[in-house]
Amino acid sequence: MLAGEEPTPEATDEEERNYSRMFMLAALAVFLAGAIVSLLGGYGYIQVDPVQVMGFTMVSVAILICCGSLTITGRIMAKMPEYGETEEKFRQAMELYENEEWEEAFQIFSELVGPKMDHRRALYYGARCLEKMDRWEDVKKYIGRYLELQPKDKEAWELLATAHRRLFEYEEAEAAEEKARQMPSKD
């Protein structure tokens, strides 16, 4: 990342995974080193008390795991205000949706979906707004991505079938309807 450049969500996710890996690898290395030294001491190859070495090793591993957990928790907590803002935007979009202001609601839902298209609720309700605006190609895109994340949603499969039917894609509509029939009802 260049100096002054804002981190992307992908970069921060990768950083968090790297922190996790780093602490886990350090804990594993300390444990293995302690176990080896303890074994060597137990067999008399080096002058150490194997019980003390293993005790010290276990305490060191526990400290590393705790430090790693605190670091990762701190990074997540730093993002909490962002999550609150996202929830507030979603609430506003839902209010517009319930007032049948489809275009305005969709604008907010599409912002919430983001570049990774991973906000499930925004994908679903964005697709519902698109349905009301008769934008069937876009409905397929949004509800298709939603179904990648939430494949057991009967209503979503039914919406996908409707979108295919409206675009005269009857084979795809039949396949989506078959998936919907396989899903349990929410009753």
C-alpha atoms as a PDB file:
ATOM      1  CA  MET A   1       0.000   0.000   0.000  1.00  0.00           C
ATOM      2  CA  LEU A   2       1.321   3.459  -0.913  1.00  0.00           C
ATOM      3  CA  ALA A   3       1.845   6.176   1.688  1.00  0.00           C
ATOM      4  CA  GLY A   4      -1.309   8.229   2.216  1.00  0.00           C
ATOM      5  CA  GLU A   5      -3.483   5.620   0.510  1.00  0.00           C
ATOM      6  CA  GLU A   6      -6.653   4.482   2.278  1.00  0.00           C
ATOM      7  CA  PRO A   7      -6.704   0.754   3.028  1.00  0.00           C
ATOM      8  CA  THR A   8      -9.309  -1.176   1.066  1.00  0.00           C
ATOM      9  CA  PRO A   9     -11.626  -3.576   2.919  1.00  0.00           C
ATOM     10  CA  GLU A  10      -9.776  -6.442   1.228  1.00  0.00           C
ATOM     11  CA  ALA A  11      -6.433  -5.130   2.536  1.00  0.00           C
ATOM     12  CA  THR A  12      -7.675  -4.803   6.112  1.00  0.00           C
ATOM     13  CA  ASP A  13      -9.218  -8.288   5.982  1.00  0.00           C
ATOM     14  CA  GLU A  14      -5.894  -9.656   4.753  1.00  0.00           C
ATOM     15  CA  GLU A  15      -4.040  -7.765   7.499  1.00  0.00           C
ATOM     16  CA  GLU A  16      -6.317  -9.312  10.135  1.00  0.00           C
ATOM     17  CA  ARG A  17      -5.689 -12.787   8.727  1.00  0.00           C
ATOM     18  CA  ASN A  18      -1.948 -12.064   8.738  1.00  0.00           C
ATOM     19  CA  TYR A  19      -2.041 -10.973  12.414  1.00  0.00           C
ATOM     20  CA  SER A  20      -3.922 -14.127  13.269  1.00  0.00           C
ATOM     21  CA  ARG A  21      -1.456 -16.307  11.403  1.00  0.00           C
ATOM     22  CA  MET A  22       1.511 -14.500  12.919  1.00  0.00           C
ATOM     23  CA  PHE A  23       0.372 -15.068  16.515  1.00  0.00           C
ATOM     24  CA  MET A  24      -0.646 -18.657  15.875  1.00  0.00           C
ATOM     25  CA  LEU A  25       2.668 -19.452  14.177  1.00  0.00           C
ATOM     26  CA  ALA A  26       4.599 -17.802  17.004  1.00  0.00           C
ATOM     27  CA  ALA A  27       2.630 -19.815  19.579  1.00  0.00           C
ATOM     28  CA  LEU A  28       3.223 -23.013  17.603  1.00  0.00           C
ATOM     29  CA  ALA A  29       6.966 -22.269  17.295  1.00  0.00           C
ATOM     30  CA  VAL A  30       7.280 -21.586  21.037  1.00  0.00           C
ATOM     31  CA  PHE A  31       5.359 -24.765  21.858  1.00  0.00           C
ATOM     32  CA  LEU A  32       7.452 -26.932  19.529  1.00  0.00           C
ATOM     33  CA  ALA A  33      10.709 -25.410  20.783  1.00  0.00           C
ATOM     34  CA  GLY A  34       9.633 -25.926  24.398  1.00  0.00           C
ATOM     35  CA  ALA A  35       8.573 -29.521  23.724  1.00  0.00           C
ATOM     36  CA  ILE A  36      11.895 -30.305  22.031  1.00  0.00           C
ATOM     37  CA  VAL A  37      13.949 -28.711  24.820  1.00  0.00           C
ATOM     38  CA  SER A  38      11.821 -30.532  27.399  1.00  0.00           C
ATOM     39  CA  LEU A  39      12.342 -33.866  25.632  1.00  0.00           C
ATOM     40  CA  LEU A  40      16.073 -33.284  25.347  1.00  0.00           C
ATOM     41  CA  GLY A  41      16.168 -32.426  29.056  1.00  0.00           C
ATOM     42  CA  GLY A  42      14.117 -35.498  29.900  1.00  0.00           C
ATOM     43  CA  TYR A  43      16.552 -37.770  28.072  1.00  0.00           C
ATOM     44  CA  GLY A  44      19.522 -36.085  29.734  1.00  0.00           C
ATOM     45  CA  TYR A  45      21.014 -34.477  26.626  1.00  0.00           C
ATOM     46  CA  ILE A  46      20.847 -31.005  28.165  1.00  0.00           C
ATOM     47  CA  GLN A  47      20.796 -29.881  31.780  1.00  0.00           C
ATOM     48  CA  VAL A  48      17.233 -28.541  32.227  1.00  0.00           C
ATOM     49  CA  ASP A  49      14.231 -29.586  34.253  1.00  0.00           C
ATOM     50  CA  PRO A  50      11.700 -30.795  31.604  1.00  0.00           C
ATOM     51  CA  VAL A  51       8.697 -30.017  33.824  1.00  0.00           C
ATOM     52  CA  GLN A  52       9.800 -26.404  34.329  1.00  0.00           C
ATOM     53  CA  VAL A  53      10.522 -25.996  30.613  1.00  0.00           C
ATOM     54  CA  MET A  54       7.044 -27.288  29.678  1.00  0.00           C
ATOM     55  CA  GLY A  55       5.455 -25.063  32.329  1.00  0.00           C
ATOM     56  CA  PHE A  56       7.272 -22.017  31.008  1.00  0.00           C
ATOM     57  CA  THR A  57       6.375 -23.043  27.451  1.00  0.00           C
ATOM     58  CA  MET A  58       2.665 -23.334  28.257  1.00  0.00           C
ATOM     59  CA  VAL A  59       2.632 -19.939  29.985  1.00  0.00           C
ATOM     60  CA  SER A  60       4.428 -18.370  26.992  1.00  0.00           C
ATOM     61  CA  VAL A  61       1.966 -19.919  24.529  1.00  0.00           C
ATOM     62  CA  ALA A  62      -0.983 -18.693  26.630  1.00  0.00           C
ATOM     63  CA  ILE A  63       0.463 -15.168  26.662  1.00  0.00           C
ATOM     64  CA  LEU A  64       0.947 -15.199  22.877  1.00  0.00           C
ATOM     65  CA  ILE A  65      -2.606 -16.406  22.301  1.00  0.00           C
ATOM     66  CA  CYS A  66      -4.004 -13.767  24.663  1.00  0.00           C
ATOM     67  CA  CYS A  67      -1.988 -10.994  22.994  1.00  0.00           C
ATOM     68  CA  GLY A  68      -3.144 -12.155  19.593  1.00  0.00           C
ATOM     69  CA  SER A  69      -6.768 -12.255  20.714  1.00  0.00           C
ATOM     70  CA  LEU A  70      -6.554  -8.775  22.221  1.00  0.00           C
ATOM     71  CA  THR A  71      -4.942  -7.359  19.088  1.00  0.00           C
ATOM     72  CA  ILE A  72      -7.567  -8.846  16.790  1.00  0.00           C
ATOM     73  CA  THR A  73     -10.406  -7.815  19.123  1.00  0.00           C
ATOM     74  CA  GLY A  74      -9.047  -4.273  19.214  1.00  0.00           C
ATOM     75  CA  ARG A  75      -8.952  -4.101  15.428  1.00  0.00           C
ATOM     76  CA  ILE A  76     -12.555  -5.307  15.234  1.00  0.00           C
ATOM     77  CA  MET A  77     -13.691  -2.855  17.906  1.00  0.00           C
ATOM     78  CA  ALA A  78     -12.114  -0.013  15.942  1.00  0.00           C
ATOM     79  CA  LYS A  79     -14.543  -0.821  13.113  1.00  0.00           C
ATOM     80  CA  MET A  80     -17.657  -0.711  15.289  1.00  0.00           C
ATOM     81  CA  PRO A  81     -18.568   2.921  14.464  1.00  0.00           C
ATOM     82  CA  GLU A  82     -18.494   2.001  10.770  1.00  0.00           C
ATOM     83  CA  TYR A  83     -20.930  -0.853  11.429  1.00  0.00           C
ATOM     84  CA  GLY A  84     -23.252   1.530  13.267  1.00  0.00           C
ATOM     85  CA  GLU A  85     -23.276   3.917  10.306  1.00  0.00           C
ATOM     86  CA  THR A  86     -24.020   1.019   7.970  1.00  0.00           C
ATOM     87  CA  GLU A  87     -26.965  -0.073  10.108  1.00  0.00           C
ATOM     88  CA  GLU A  88     -28.324   3.470  10.169  1.00  0.00           C
ATOM     89  CA  LYS A  89     -28.140   3.659   6.367  1.00  0.00           C
ATOM     90  CA  PHE A  90     -29.856   0.291   6.096  1.00  0.00           C
ATOM     91  CA  ARG A  91     -32.631   1.478   8.413  1.00  0.00           C
ATOM     92  CA  GLN A  92     -33.128   4.578   6.221  1.00  0.00           C
ATOM     93  CA  ALA A  93     -33.257   2.442   3.091  1.00  0.00           C
ATOM     94  CA  MET A  94     -35.826   0.124   4.689  1.00  0.00           C
ATOM     95  CA  GLU A  95     -37.964   3.115   5.601  1.00  0.00           C
ATOM     96  CA  LEU A  96     -37.889   4.257   1.966  1.00  0.00           C
ATOM     97  CA  TYR A  97     -38.624   0.700   0.840  1.00  0.00           C
ATOM     98  CA  GLU A  98     -41.650   0.444   3.135  1.00  0.00           C
ATOM     99  CA  ASN A  99     -42.877   3.814   1.781  1.00  0.00           C
ATOM    100  CA  GLU A 100     -42.572   2.381  -1.755  1.00  0.00           C
ATOM    101  CA  GLU A 101     -39.875   4.860  -2.743  1.00  0.00           C
ATOM    102  CA  TRP A 102     -38.078   2.182  -4.761  1.00  0.00           C
ATOM    103  CA  GLU A 103     -35.501   4.313  -6.586  1.00  0.00           C
ATOM    104  CA  GLU A 104     -34.285   6.119  -3.458  1.00  0.00           C
ATOM    105  CA  ALA A 105     -34.226   2.918  -1.435  1.00  0.00           C
ATOM    106  CA  PHE A 106     -32.309   1.136  -4.181  1.00  0.00           C
ATOM    107  CA  GLN A 107     -29.679   3.894  -4.262  1.00  0.00           C
ATOM    108  CA  ILE A 108     -28.903   3.317  -0.595  1.00  0.00           C
ATOM    109  CA  PHE A 109     -29.049  -0.481  -0.890  1.00  0.00           C
ATOM    110  CA  SER A 110     -26.616  -0.369  -3.828  1.00  0.00           C
ATOM    111  CA  GLU A 111     -24.186   1.730  -1.740  1.00  0.00           C
ATOM    112  CA  LEU A 112     -24.447  -0.753   1.115  1.00  0.00           C
ATOM    113  CA  VAL A 113     -23.842  -3.726  -1.168  1.00  0.00           C
ATOM    114  CA  GLY A 114     -20.355  -2.389  -1.832  1.00  0.00           C
ATOM    115  CA  PRO A 115     -17.730  -3.548  -4.319  1.00  0.00           C
ATOM    116  CA  LYS A 116     -17.604  -7.098  -2.940  1.00  0.00           C
ATOM    117  CA  MET A 117     -21.414  -7.359  -3.089  1.00  0.00           C
ATOM    118  CA  ASP A 118     -21.478  -9.054   0.300  1.00  0.00           C
ATOM    119  CA  HIS A 119     -24.171  -7.250   2.311  1.00  0.00           C
ATOM    120  CA  ARG A 120     -26.886  -9.908   2.242  1.00  0.00           C
ATOM    121  CA  ARG A 121     -29.838  -7.845   3.373  1.00  0.00           C
ATOM    122  CA  ALA A 122     -28.970  -4.991   0.999  1.00  0.00           C
ATOM    123  CA  LEU A 123     -28.673  -7.473  -1.879  1.00  0.00           C
ATOM    124  CA  TYR A 124     -32.073  -8.978  -1.114  1.00  0.00           C
ATOM    125  CA  TYR A 125     -33.958  -5.716  -0.666  1.00  0.00           C
ATOM    126  CA  GLY A 126     -32.070  -4.122  -3.551  1.00  0.00           C
ATOM    127  CA  ALA A 127     -33.357  -6.965  -5.736  1.00  0.00           C
ATOM    128  CA  ARG A 128     -36.883  -6.366  -4.417  1.00  0.00           C
ATOM    129  CA  CYS A 129     -36.622  -2.663  -5.348  1.00  0.00           C
ATOM    130  CA  LEU A 130     -35.372  -3.602  -8.805  1.00  0.00           C
ATOM    131  CA  GLU A 131     -38.317  -5.986  -9.129  1.00  0.00           C
ATOM    132  CA  LYS A 132     -40.727  -3.103  -8.447  1.00  0.00           C
ATOM    133  CA  MET A 133     -38.926  -1.012 -11.093  1.00  0.00           C
ATOM    134  CA  ASP A 134     -39.085  -3.857 -13.678  1.00  0.00           C
ATOM    135  CA  ARG A 135     -35.284  -4.011 -14.025  1.00  0.00           C
ATOM    136  CA  TRP A 136     -35.128  -7.780 -14.425  1.00  0.00           C
ATOM    137  CA  GLU A 137     -31.502  -8.146 -15.574  1.00  0.00           C
ATOM    138  CA  ASP A 138     -30.404  -6.285 -12.464  1.00  0.00           C
ATOM    139  CA  VAL A 139     -32.761  -8.375 -10.329  1.00  0.00           C
ATOM    140  CA  LYS A 140     -30.955 -11.481 -11.605  1.00  0.00           C
ATOM    141  CA  LYS A 141     -27.586  -9.954 -10.736  1.00  0.00           C
ATOM    142  CA  TYR A 142     -28.554  -8.926  -7.192  1.00  0.00           C
ATOM    143  CA  ILE A 143     -30.614 -11.963  -6.254  1.00  0.00           C
ATOM    144  CA  GLY A 144     -28.083 -14.284  -7.897  1.00  0.00           C
ATOM    145  CA  ARG A 145     -25.311 -12.880  -5.733  1.00  0.00           C
ATOM    146  CA  TYR A 146     -27.587 -13.057  -2.686  1.00  0.00           C
ATOM    147  CA  LEU A 147     -28.235 -16.734  -3.413  1.00  0.00           C
ATOM    148  CA  GLU A 148     -24.489 -17.382  -3.579  1.00  0.00           C
ATOM    149  CA  LEU A 149     -24.321 -16.133   0.014  1.00  0.00           C
ATOM    150  CA  GLN A 150     -27.684 -17.477   1.206  1.00  0.00           C
ATOM    151  CA  PRO A 151     -28.548 -20.490  -0.993  1.00  0.00           C
ATOM    152  CA  LYS A 152     -31.429 -21.837   1.124  1.00  0.00           C
ATOM    153  CA  ASP A 153     -33.834 -18.910   0.738  1.00  0.00           C
ATOM    154  CA  LYS A 154     -37.033 -20.110  -0.957  1.00  0.00           C
ATOM    155  CA  GLU A 155     -38.376 -16.597  -1.636  1.00  0.00           C
ATOM    156  CA  ALA A 156     -35.115 -15.581  -3.289  1.00  0.00           C
ATOM    157  CA  TRP A 157     -35.228 -18.610  -5.619  1.00  0.00           C
ATOM    158  CA  GLU A 158     -38.821 -17.709  -6.486  1.00  0.00           C
ATOM    159  CA  LEU A 159     -37.767 -14.136  -7.278  1.00  0.00           C
ATOM    160  CA  LEU A 160     -34.952 -15.429  -9.490  1.00  0.00           C
ATOM    161  CA  ALA A 161     -37.451 -17.665 -11.306  1.00  0.00           C
ATOM    162  CA  THR A 162     -39.732 -14.663 -11.857  1.00  0.00           C
ATOM    163  CA  ALA A 163     -36.851 -12.606 -13.249  1.00  0.00           C
ATOM    164  CA  HIS A 164     -35.910 -15.379 -15.670  1.00  0.00           C
ATOM    165  CA  ARG A 165     -39.541 -15.783 -16.723  1.00  0.00           C
ATOM    166  CA  ARG A 166     -39.908 -12.039 -17.357  1.00  0.00           C
ATOM    167  CA  LEU A 167     -36.823 -12.209 -19.599  1.00  0.00           C
ATOM    168  CA  PHE A 168     -38.227 -15.246 -21.460  1.00  0.00           C
ATOM    169  CA  GLU A 169     -35.517 -17.521 -20.051  1.00  0.00           C
ATOM    170  CA  TYR A 170     -37.829 -20.440 -19.401  1.00  0.00           C
ATOM    171  CA  GLU A 171     -35.259 -23.174 -18.778  1.00  0.00           C
ATOM    172  CA  GLU A 172     -33.476 -21.060 -16.163  1.00  0.00           C
ATOM    173  CA  ALA A 173     -36.853 -20.143 -14.642  1.00  0.00           C
ATOM    174  CA  GLU A 174     -37.776 -23.816 -14.349  1.00  0.00           C
ATOM    175  CA  ALA A 175     -34.412 -24.620 -12.708  1.00  0.00           C
ATOM    176  CA  ALA A 176     -34.892 -21.805 -10.171  1.00  0.00           C
ATOM    177  CA  GLU A 177     -38.475 -22.928  -9.482  1.00  0.00           C
ATOM    178  CA  GLU A 178     -37.208 -26.470  -8.878  1.00  0.00           C
ATOM    179  CA  LYS A 179     -34.681 -25.106  -6.359  1.00  0.00           C
ATOM    180  CA  ALA A 180     -37.485 -23.159  -4.654  1.00  0.00           C
ATOM    181  CA  ARG A 181     -39.615 -26.297  -4.399  1.00  0.00           C
ATOM    182  CA  GLN A 182     -36.719 -28.069  -2.651  1.00  0.00           C
ATOM    183  CA  MET A 183     -36.501 -25.391   0.040  1.00  0.00           C
ATOM    184  CA  PRO A 184     -38.547 -25.727   3.233  1.00  0.00           C
ATOM    185  CA  SER A 185     -41.267 -23.144   3.867  1.00  0.00           C
ATOM    186  CA  LYS A 186     -40.673 -20.517   6.559  1.00  0.00           C
ATOM    187  CA  ASP A 187     -43.973 -21.415   8.282  1.00  0.00           C
END
